[in-house]
Amino acid sequence: MGYHGRNGLLCKAYLEQYRPDLYIALVASEKLHEHCTEIDATARERIELIMPELAKSAGATEELKSKDPMKWAGLMNACRKQVDNDIKYKSTCI
């Protein structure tokens, strides 16, 4: 069964490598997919909350987007990378 989203896949890989006991229990109870999908949904919610604030603090405004789209895209990519790292390391995948 497939997982929706990158964070769900990361969760599965984490469980397999670092928490094999929990991974086996989730597989046996047929709740692995549900668990990883929930982790992915939580991560997406956090991204949606954090990204606008981070983009604003980085100066990635709509005005900049219209004046200098390349600079705006670079700032947005940097923000997204920072959020992804934050989500990955503070994940609730336990």
PDB file of N, CA and C in Angstrom:
ATOM      1  N   MET A   1       0.848  -1.179   0.000  1.00  0.00           N
ATOM      2  CA  MET A   1       0.000   0.000   0.000  1.00  0.00           C
ATOM      3  C   MET A   1       0.889   1.236   0.000  1.00  0.00           C
ATOM      4  N   GLY A   2       0.579   2.211  -0.830  1.00  0.00           N
ATOM      5  CA  GLY A   2       1.391   3.406  -0.956  1.00  0.00           C
ATOM      6  C   GLY A   2       1.055   4.459   0.088  1.00  0.00           C
ATOM      7  N   TYR A   3       1.960   5.386   0.250  1.00  0.00           N
ATOM      8  CA  TYR A   3       1.765   6.470   1.202  1.00  0.00           C
ATOM      9  C   TYR A   3       1.665   7.764   0.433  1.00  0.00           C
ATOM     10  N   HIS A   4       0.816   8.622   0.903  1.00  0.00           N
ATOM     11  CA  HIS A   4       0.614   9.903   0.248  1.00  0.00           C
ATOM     12  C   HIS A   4       1.538  10.924   0.880  1.00  0.00           C
ATOM     13  N   GLY A   5       2.441  11.439   0.099  1.00  0.00           N
ATOM     14  CA  GLY A   5       3.301  12.504   0.578  1.00  0.00           C
ATOM     15  C   GLY A   5       4.669  12.031   1.018  1.00  0.00           C
ATOM     16  N   ARG A   6       5.593  12.948   0.892  1.00  0.00           N
ATOM     17  CA  ARG A   6       6.990  12.672   1.216  1.00  0.00           C
ATOM     18  C   ARG A   6       7.184  12.399   2.700  1.00  0.00           C
ATOM     19  N   ASN A   7       6.480  13.146   3.538  1.00  0.00           N
ATOM     20  CA  ASN A   7       6.663  12.962   4.975  1.00  0.00           C
ATOM     21  C   ASN A   7       6.139  11.616   5.450  1.00  0.00           C
ATOM     22  N   GLY A   8       5.111  11.094   4.804  1.00  0.00           N
ATOM     23  CA  GLY A   8       4.634   9.754   5.115  1.00  0.00           C
ATOM     24  C   GLY A   8       5.675   8.704   4.781  1.00  0.00           C
ATOM     25  N   LEU A   9       6.349   8.885   3.644  1.00  0.00           N
ATOM     26  CA  LEU A   9       7.416   7.960   3.259  1.00  0.00           C
ATOM     27  C   LEU A   9       8.609   8.063   4.203  1.00  0.00           C
ATOM     28  N   LEU A  10       8.941   9.286   4.603  1.00  0.00           N
ATOM     29  CA  LEU A  10      10.032   9.471   5.562  1.00  0.00           C
ATOM     30  C   LEU A  10       9.697   8.820   6.899  1.00  0.00           C
ATOM     31  N   CYS A  11       8.447   8.921   7.296  1.00  0.00           N
ATOM     32  CA  CYS A  11       8.002   8.302   8.542  1.00  0.00           C
ATOM     33  C   CYS A  11       8.187   6.790   8.480  1.00  0.00           C
ATOM     34  N   LYS A  12       7.753   6.192   7.392  1.00  0.00           N
ATOM     35  CA  LYS A  12       7.876   4.740   7.222  1.00  0.00           C
ATOM     36  C   LYS A  12       9.344   4.322   7.273  1.00  0.00           C
ATOM     37  N   ALA A  13      10.200   5.042   6.562  1.00  0.00           N
ATOM     38  CA  ALA A  13      11.629   4.727   6.545  1.00  0.00           C
ATOM     39  C   ALA A  13      12.238   4.872   7.938  1.00  0.00           C
ATOM     40  N   TYR A  14      11.844   5.923   8.663  1.00  0.00           N
ATOM     41  CA  TYR A  14      12.334   6.134  10.026  1.00  0.00           C
ATOM     42  C   TYR A  14      11.941   4.974  10.931  1.00  0.00           C
ATOM     43  N   LEU A  15      10.678   4.589  10.853  1.00  0.00           N
ATOM     44  CA  LEU A  15      10.202   3.489  11.687  1.00  0.00           C
ATOM     45  C   LEU A  15      10.939   2.194  11.370  1.00  0.00           C
ATOM     46  N   GLU A  16      11.125   1.907  10.095  1.00  0.00           N
ATOM     47  CA  GLU A  16      11.826   0.681   9.698  1.00  0.00           C
ATOM     48  C   GLU A  16      13.248   0.657  10.241  1.00  0.00           C
ATOM     49  N   GLN A  17      13.934   1.793  10.166  1.00  0.00           N
ATOM     50  CA  GLN A  17      15.341   1.833  10.546  1.00  0.00           C
ATOM     51  C   GLN A  17      15.567   2.005  12.045  1.00  0.00           C
ATOM     52  N   TYR A  18      14.813   2.894  12.682  1.00  0.00           N
ATOM     53  CA  TYR A  18      15.111   3.255  14.066  1.00  0.00           C
ATOM     54  C   TYR A  18      14.117   2.722  15.095  1.00  0.00           C
ATOM     55  N   ARG A  19      12.928   2.348  14.657  1.00  0.00           N
ATOM     56  CA  ARG A  19      11.911   1.839  15.580  1.00  0.00           C
ATOM     57  C   ARG A  19      11.274   0.561  15.031  1.00  0.00           C
ATOM     58  N   PRO A  20      12.090  -0.463  14.777  1.00  0.00           N
ATOM     59  CA  PRO A  20      11.541  -1.676  14.156  1.00  0.00           C
ATOM     60  C   PRO A  20      10.438  -2.330  14.979  1.00  0.00           C
ATOM     61  N   ASP A  21      10.507  -2.203  16.302  1.00  0.00           N
ATOM     62  CA  ASP A  21       9.458  -2.771  17.156  1.00  0.00           C
ATOM     63  C   ASP A  21       8.107  -2.108  16.883  1.00  0.00           C
ATOM     64  N   LEU A  22       8.101  -0.797  16.799  1.00  0.00           N
ATOM     65  CA  LEU A  22       6.866  -0.065  16.507  1.00  0.00           C
ATOM     66  C   LEU A  22       6.415  -0.322  15.072  1.00  0.00           C
ATOM     67  N   TYR A  23       7.371  -0.382  14.161  1.00  0.00           N
ATOM     68  CA  TYR A  23       7.047  -0.664  12.758  1.00  0.00           C
ATOM     69  C   TYR A  23       6.330  -2.007  12.644  1.00  0.00           C
ATOM     70  N   ILE A  24       6.864  -3.033  13.270  1.00  0.00           N
ATOM     71  CA  ILE A  24       6.259  -4.372  13.218  1.00  0.00           C
ATOM     72  C   ILE A  24       4.874  -4.361  13.855  1.00  0.00           C
ATOM     73  N   ALA A  25       4.739  -3.659  14.978  1.00  0.00           N
ATOM     74  CA  ALA A  25       3.435  -3.582  15.650  1.00  0.00           C
ATOM     75  C   ALA A  25       2.401  -2.884  14.764  1.00  0.00           C
ATOM     76  N   LEU A  26       2.803  -1.816  14.087  1.00  0.00           N
ATOM     77  CA  LEU A  26       1.880  -1.099  13.204  1.00  0.00           C
ATOM     78  C   LEU A  26       1.511  -1.941  11.985  1.00  0.00           C
ATOM     79  N   VAL A  27       2.476  -2.675  11.455  1.00  0.00           N
ATOM     80  CA  VAL A  27       2.184  -3.563  10.323  1.00  0.00           C
ATOM     81  C   VAL A  27       1.226  -4.660  10.764  1.00  0.00           C
ATOM     82  N   ALA A  28       1.512  -5.265  11.922  1.00  0.00           N
ATOM     83  CA  ALA A  28       0.677  -6.364  12.422  1.00  0.00           C
ATOM     84  C   ALA A  28      -0.754  -5.913  12.700  1.00  0.00           C
ATOM     85  N   SER A  29      -0.905  -4.689  13.167  1.00  0.00           N
ATOM     86  CA  SER A  29      -2.242  -4.170  13.476  1.00  0.00           C
ATOM     87  C   SER A  29      -2.898  -3.503  12.264  1.00  0.00           C
ATOM     88  N   GLU A  30      -2.202  -3.533  11.133  1.00  0.00           N
ATOM     89  CA  GLU A  30      -2.682  -2.922   9.893  1.00  0.00           C
ATOM     90  C   GLU A  30      -2.948  -1.424  10.049  1.00  0.00           C
ATOM     91  N   LYS A  31      -2.119  -0.755  10.850  1.00  0.00           N
ATOM     92  CA  LYS A  31      -2.280   0.681  11.082  1.00  0.00           C
ATOM     93  C   LYS A  31      -1.094   1.499  10.580  1.00  0.00           C
ATOM     94  N   LEU A  32      -0.159   0.855   9.891  1.00  0.00           N
ATOM     95  CA  LEU A  32       1.012   1.580   9.405  1.00  0.00           C
ATOM     96  C   LEU A  32       0.618   2.672   8.414  1.00  0.00           C
ATOM     97  N   HIS A  33      -0.213   2.331   7.457  1.00  0.00           N
ATOM     98  CA  HIS A  33      -0.643   3.316   6.454  1.00  0.00           C
ATOM     99  C   HIS A  33      -1.354   4.494   7.127  1.00  0.00           C
ATOM    100  N   GLU A  34      -2.244   4.186   8.038  1.00  0.00           N
ATOM    101  CA  GLU A  34      -2.984   5.240   8.750  1.00  0.00           C
ATOM    102  C   GLU A  34      -2.029   6.149   9.519  1.00  0.00           C
ATOM    103  N   HIS A  35      -1.064   5.543  10.205  1.00  0.00           N
ATOM    104  CA  HIS A  35      -0.107   6.296  11.004  1.00  0.00           C
ATOM    105  C   HIS A  35       0.736   7.226  10.121  1.00  0.00           C
ATOM    106  N   CYS A  36       1.292   6.681   9.038  1.00  0.00           N
ATOM    107  CA  CYS A  36       2.148   7.476   8.159  1.00  0.00           C
ATOM    108  C   CYS A  36       1.363   8.566   7.439  1.00  0.00           C
ATOM    109  N   THR A  37       0.126   8.274   7.084  1.00  0.00           N
ATOM    110  CA  THR A  37      -0.723   9.273   6.441  1.00  0.00           C
ATOM    111  C   THR A  37      -1.039  10.404   7.417  1.00  0.00           C
ATOM    112  N   GLU A  38      -1.262  10.061   8.676  1.00  0.00           N
ATOM    113  CA  GLU A  38      -1.527  11.077   9.703  1.00  0.00           C
ATOM    114  C   GLU A  38      -0.299  11.958   9.926  1.00  0.00           C
ATOM    115  N   ILE A  39       0.874  11.346   9.959  1.00  0.00           N
ATOM    116  CA  ILE A  39       2.114  12.112  10.113  1.00  0.00           C
ATOM    117  C   ILE A  39       2.274  13.077   8.943  1.00  0.00           C
ATOM    118  N   ASP A  40       1.998  12.596   7.732  1.00  0.00           N
ATOM    119  CA  ASP A  40       2.109  13.442   6.546  1.00  0.00           C
ATOM    120  C   ASP A  40       1.127  14.611   6.611  1.00  0.00           C
ATOM    121  N   ALA A  41      -0.097  14.344   7.022  1.00  0.00           N
ATOM    122  CA  ALA A  41      -1.108  15.403   7.118  1.00  0.00           C
ATOM    123  C   ALA A  41      -0.706  16.448   8.155  1.00  0.00           C
ATOM    124  N   THR A  42      -0.180  15.997   9.286  1.00  0.00           N
ATOM    125  CA  THR A  42       0.273  16.913  10.329  1.00  0.00           C
ATOM    126  C   THR A  42       1.414  17.786   9.813  1.00  0.00           C
ATOM    127  N   ALA A  43       2.339  17.178   9.093  1.00  0.00           N
ATOM    128  CA  ALA A  43       3.464  17.930   8.536  1.00  0.00           C
ATOM    129  C   ALA A  43       2.974  18.975   7.536  1.00  0.00           C
ATOM    130  N   ARG A  44       2.021  18.606   6.694  1.00  0.00           N
ATOM    131  CA  ARG A  44       1.476  19.562   5.722  1.00  0.00           C
ATOM    132  C   ARG A  44       0.807  20.745   6.425  1.00  0.00           C
ATOM    133  N   GLU A  45       0.077  20.465   7.498  1.00  0.00           N
ATOM    134  CA  GLU A  45      -0.571  21.541   8.255  1.00  0.00           C
ATOM    135  C   GLU A  45       0.471  22.488   8.832  1.00  0.00           C
ATOM    136  N   ARG A  46       1.539  21.920   9.372  1.00  0.00           N
ATOM    137  CA  ARG A  46       2.601  22.744   9.950  1.00  0.00           C
ATOM    138  C   ARG A  46       3.265  23.603   8.880  1.00  0.00           C
ATOM    139  N   ILE A  47       3.475  23.021   7.699  1.00  0.00           N
ATOM    140  CA  ILE A  47       4.075  23.773   6.596  1.00  0.00           C
ATOM    141  C   ILE A  47       3.179  24.945   6.214  1.00  0.00           C
ATOM    142  N   GLU A  48       1.880  24.692   6.123  1.00  0.00           N
ATOM    143  CA  GLU A  48       0.933  25.753   5.758  1.00  0.00           C
ATOM    144  C   GLU A  48       0.908  26.876   6.788  1.00  0.00           C
ATOM    145  N   LEU A  49       1.150  26.551   8.047  1.00  0.00           N
ATOM    146  CA  LEU A  49       1.175  27.575   9.091  1.00  0.00           C
ATOM    147  C   LEU A  49       2.484  28.356   9.107  1.00  0.00           C
ATOM    148  N   ILE A  50       3.587  27.659   8.912  1.00  0.00           N
ATOM    149  CA  ILE A  50       4.903  28.270   9.067  1.00  0.00           C
ATOM    150  C   ILE A  50       5.342  29.058   7.837  1.00  0.00           C
ATOM    151  N   MET A  51       5.061  28.540   6.646  1.00  0.00           N
ATOM    152  CA  MET A  51       5.577  29.160   5.412  1.00  0.00           C
ATOM    153  C   MET A  51       5.222  30.639   5.254  1.00  0.00           C
ATOM    154  N   PRO A  52       3.969  31.051   5.425  1.00  0.00           N
ATOM    155  CA  PRO A  52       3.669  32.482   5.230  1.00  0.00           C
ATOM    156  C   PRO A  52       4.450  33.394   6.176  1.00  0.00           C
ATOM    157  N   GLU A  53       4.579  32.984   7.430  1.00  0.00           N
ATOM    158  CA  GLU A  53       5.319  33.795   8.396  1.00  0.00           C
ATOM    159  C   GLU A  53       6.799  33.866   8.035  1.00  0.00           C
ATOM    160  N   LEU A  54       7.359  32.726   7.676  1.00  0.00           N
ATOM    161  CA  LEU A  54       8.772  32.677   7.325  1.00  0.00           C
ATOM    162  C   LEU A  54       9.051  33.482   6.053  1.00  0.00           C
ATOM    163  N   ALA A  55       8.178  33.355   5.068  1.00  0.00           N
ATOM    164  CA  ALA A  55       8.341  34.104   3.816  1.00  0.00           C
ATOM    165  C   ALA A  55       8.274  35.607   4.080  1.00  0.00           C
ATOM    166  N   LYS A  56       7.353  36.004   4.923  1.00  0.00           N
ATOM    167  CA  LYS A  56       7.214  37.426   5.252  1.00  0.00           C
ATOM    168  C   LYS A  56       8.474  37.940   5.945  1.00  0.00           C
ATOM    169  N   SER A  57       8.978  37.179   6.903  1.00  0.00           N
ATOM    170  CA  SER A  57      10.177  37.614   7.622  1.00  0.00           C
ATOM    171  C   SER A  57      11.416  37.615   6.724  1.00  0.00           C
ATOM    172  N   ALA A  58      11.409  36.787   5.675  1.00  0.00           N
ATOM    173  CA  ALA A  58      12.532  36.754   4.733  1.00  0.00           C
ATOM    174  C   ALA A  58      12.438  37.858   3.685  1.00  0.00           C
ATOM    175  N   GLY A  59      11.289  38.525   3.623  1.00  0.00           N
ATOM    176  CA  GLY A  59      11.102  39.602   2.657  1.00  0.00           C
ATOM    177  C   GLY A  59      10.531  39.150   1.326  1.00  0.00           C
ATOM    178  N   ALA A  60       9.980  37.946   1.285  1.00  0.00           N
ATOM    179  CA  ALA A  60       9.387  37.416   0.052  1.00  0.00           C
ATOM    180  C   ALA A  60       7.944  37.904  -0.057  1.00  0.00           C
ATOM    181  N   THR A  61       7.798  39.165  -0.429  1.00  0.00           N
ATOM    182  CA  THR A  61       6.481  39.800  -0.509  1.00  0.00           C
ATOM    183  C   THR A  61       5.921  39.720  -1.927  1.00  0.00           C
ATOM    184  N   GLU A  62       4.644  40.027  -2.054  1.00  0.00           N
ATOM    185  CA  GLU A  62       4.017  40.081  -3.379  1.00  0.00           C
ATOM    186  C   GLU A  62       4.655  41.179  -4.225  1.00  0.00           C
ATOM    187  N   GLU A  63       5.057  42.258  -3.579  1.00  0.00           N
ATOM    188  CA  GLU A  63       5.725  43.347  -4.297  1.00  0.00           C
ATOM    189  C   GLU A  63       7.045  42.862  -4.894  1.00  0.00           C
ATOM    190  N   LEU A  64       7.826  42.136  -4.103  1.00  0.00           N
ATOM    191  CA  LEU A  64       9.082  41.583  -4.608  1.00  0.00           C
ATOM    192  C   LEU A  64       8.814  40.576  -5.724  1.00  0.00           C
ATOM    193  N   LYS A  65       7.763  39.807  -5.572  1.00  0.00           N
ATOM    194  CA  LYS A  65       7.401  38.808  -6.590  1.00  0.00           C
ATOM    195  C   LYS A  65       7.175  39.474  -7.948  1.00  0.00           C
ATOM    196  N   SER A  66       6.534  40.638  -7.946  1.00  0.00           N
ATOM    197  CA  SER A  66       6.271  41.324  -9.216  1.00  0.00           C
ATOM    198  C   SER A  66       7.502  42.077  -9.729  1.00  0.00           C
ATOM    199  N   LYS A  67       8.349  42.578  -8.815  1.00  0.00           N
ATOM    200  CA  LYS A  67       9.529  43.346  -9.223  1.00  0.00           C
ATOM    201  C   LYS A  67      10.703  42.451  -9.621  1.00  0.00           C
ATOM    202  N   ASP A  68      10.940  41.422  -8.834  1.00  0.00           N
ATOM    203  CA  ASP A  68      12.108  40.557  -9.058  1.00  0.00           C
ATOM    204  C   ASP A  68      11.717  39.103  -8.784  1.00  0.00           C
ATOM    205  N   PRO A  69      11.042  38.470  -9.747  1.00  0.00           N
ATOM    206  CA  PRO A  69      10.542  37.107  -9.534  1.00  0.00           C
ATOM    207  C   PRO A  69      11.630  36.089  -9.196  1.00  0.00           C
ATOM    208  N   MET A  70      12.818  36.261  -9.764  1.00  0.00           N
ATOM    209  CA  MET A  70      13.898  35.302  -9.491  1.00  0.00           C
ATOM    210  C   MET A  70      14.350  35.390  -8.032  1.00  0.00           C
ATOM    211  N   LYS A  71      14.492  36.599  -7.529  1.00  0.00           N
ATOM    212  CA  LYS A  71      14.885  36.769  -6.129  1.00  0.00           C
ATOM    213  C   LYS A  71      13.791  36.226  -5.213  1.00  0.00           C
ATOM    214  N   TRP A  72      12.541  36.523  -5.548  1.00  0.00           N
ATOM    215  CA  TRP A  72      11.407  36.025  -4.765  1.00  0.00           C
ATOM    216  C   TRP A  72      11.409  34.497  -4.739  1.00  0.00           C
ATOM    217  N   ALA A  73      11.616  33.876  -5.898  1.00  0.00           N
ATOM    218  CA  ALA A  73      11.638  32.409  -5.979  1.00  0.00           C
ATOM    219  C   ALA A  73      12.777  31.838  -5.141  1.00  0.00           C
ATOM    220  N   GLY A  74      13.927  32.493  -5.176  1.00  0.00           N
ATOM    221  CA  GLY A  74      15.057  32.041  -4.365  1.00  0.00           C
ATOM    222  C   GLY A  74      14.752  32.108  -2.875  1.00  0.00           C
ATOM    223  N   LEU A  75      14.131  33.208  -2.456  1.00  0.00           N
ATOM    224  CA  LEU A  75      13.750  33.346  -1.046  1.00  0.00           C
ATOM    225  C   LEU A  75      12.721  32.291  -0.644  1.00  0.00           C
ATOM    226  N   MET A  76      11.746  32.071  -1.514  1.00  0.00           N
ATOM    227  CA  MET A  76      10.713  31.068  -1.219  1.00  0.00           C
ATOM    228  C   MET A  76      11.310  29.665  -1.145  1.00  0.00           C
ATOM    229  N   ASN A  77      12.248  29.359  -2.040  1.00  0.00           N
ATOM    230  CA  ASN A  77      12.907  28.052  -1.999  1.00  0.00           C
ATOM    231  C   ASN A  77      13.712  27.881  -0.716  1.00  0.00           C
ATOM    232  N   ALA A  78      14.396  28.942  -0.295  1.00  0.00           N
ATOM    233  CA  ALA A  78      15.161  28.883   0.949  1.00  0.00           C
ATOM    234  C   ALA A  78      14.227  28.682   2.143  1.00  0.00           C
ATOM    235  N   CYS A  79      13.099  29.374   2.127  1.00  0.00           N
ATOM    236  CA  CYS A  79      12.112  29.214   3.204  1.00  0.00           C
ATOM    237  C   CYS A  79      11.576  27.789   3.228  1.00  0.00           C
ATOM    238  N   ARG A  80      11.260  27.263   2.060  1.00  0.00           N
ATOM    239  CA  ARG A  80      10.711  25.904   1.989  1.00  0.00           C
ATOM    240  C   ARG A  80      11.724  24.879   2.497  1.00  0.00           C
ATOM    241  N   LYS A  81      12.989  25.068   2.147  1.00  0.00           N
ATOM    242  CA  LYS A  81      14.032  24.152   2.618  1.00  0.00           C
ATOM    243  C   LYS A  81      14.145  24.212   4.139  1.00  0.00           C
ATOM    244  N   GLN A  82      14.088  25.416   4.682  1.00  0.00           N
ATOM    245  CA  GLN A  82      14.166  25.581   6.133  1.00  0.00           C
ATOM    246  C   GLN A  82      12.980  24.905   6.821  1.00  0.00           C
ATOM    247  N   VAL A  83      11.787  25.097   6.280  1.00  0.00           N
ATOM    248  CA  VAL A  83      10.588  24.477   6.851  1.00  0.00           C
ATOM    249  C   VAL A  83      10.675  22.957   6.741  1.00  0.00           C
ATOM    250  N   ASP A  84      11.117  22.462   5.588  1.00  0.00           N
ATOM    251  CA  ASP A  84      11.250  21.012   5.413  1.00  0.00           C
ATOM    252  C   ASP A  84      12.210  20.416   6.433  1.00  0.00           C
ATOM    253  N   ASN A  85      13.343  21.096   6.661  1.00  0.00           N
ATOM    254  CA  ASN A  85      14.300  20.608   7.656  1.00  0.00           C
ATOM    255  C   ASN A  85      13.697  20.631   9.051  1.00  0.00           C
ATOM    256  N   ASP A  86      12.986  21.695   9.366  1.00  0.00           N
ATOM    257  CA  ASP A  86      12.337  21.802  10.673  1.00  0.00           C
ATOM    258  C   ASP A  86      11.329  20.676  10.870  1.00  0.00           C
ATOM    259  N   ILE A  87      10.524  20.430   9.859  1.00  0.00           N
ATOM    260  CA  ILE A  87       9.508  19.380   9.937  1.00  0.00           C
ATOM    261  C   ILE A  87      10.174  18.016  10.080  1.00  0.00           C
ATOM    262  N   LYS A  88      11.224  17.797   9.302  1.00  0.00           N
ATOM    263  CA  LYS A  88      11.891  16.495   9.324  1.00  0.00           C
ATOM    264  C   LYS A  88      12.486  16.203  10.700  1.00  0.00           C
ATOM    265  N   TYR A  89      13.136  17.186  11.306  1.00  0.00           N
ATOM    266  CA  TYR A  89      13.808  16.953  12.574  1.00  0.00           C
ATOM    267  C   TYR A  89      12.895  17.068  13.790  1.00  0.00           C
ATOM    268  N   LYS A  90      11.770  17.732  13.640  1.00  0.00           N
ATOM    269  CA  LYS A  90      10.838  17.856  14.757  1.00  0.00           C
ATOM    270  C   LYS A  90       9.592  17.021  14.530  1.00  0.00           C
ATOM    271  N   SER A  91       9.710  16.062  13.643  1.00  0.00           N
ATOM    272  CA  SER A  91       8.565  15.222  13.298  1.00  0.00           C
ATOM    273  C   SER A  91       8.061  14.478  14.525  1.00  0.00           C
ATOM    274  N   THR A  92       6.768  14.238  14.519  1.00  0.00           N
ATOM    275  CA  THR A  92       6.158  13.496  15.618  1.00  0.00           C
ATOM    276  C   THR A  92       6.046  12.019  15.277  1.00  0.00           C
ATOM    277  N   CYS A  93       6.943  11.519  14.477  1.00  0.00           N
ATOM    278  CA  CYS A  93       6.909  10.127  14.019  1.00  0.00           C
ATOM    279  C   CYS A  93       7.454   9.223  15.121  1.00  0.00           C
ATOM    280  N   ILE A  94       6.615   8.921  16.103  1.00  0.00           N
ATOM    281  CA  ILE A  94       7.020   8.027  17.192  1.00  0.00           C
ATOM    282  C   ILE A  94       5.999   6.942  17.373  1.00  0.00           C
TER     283      ILE A  94
END
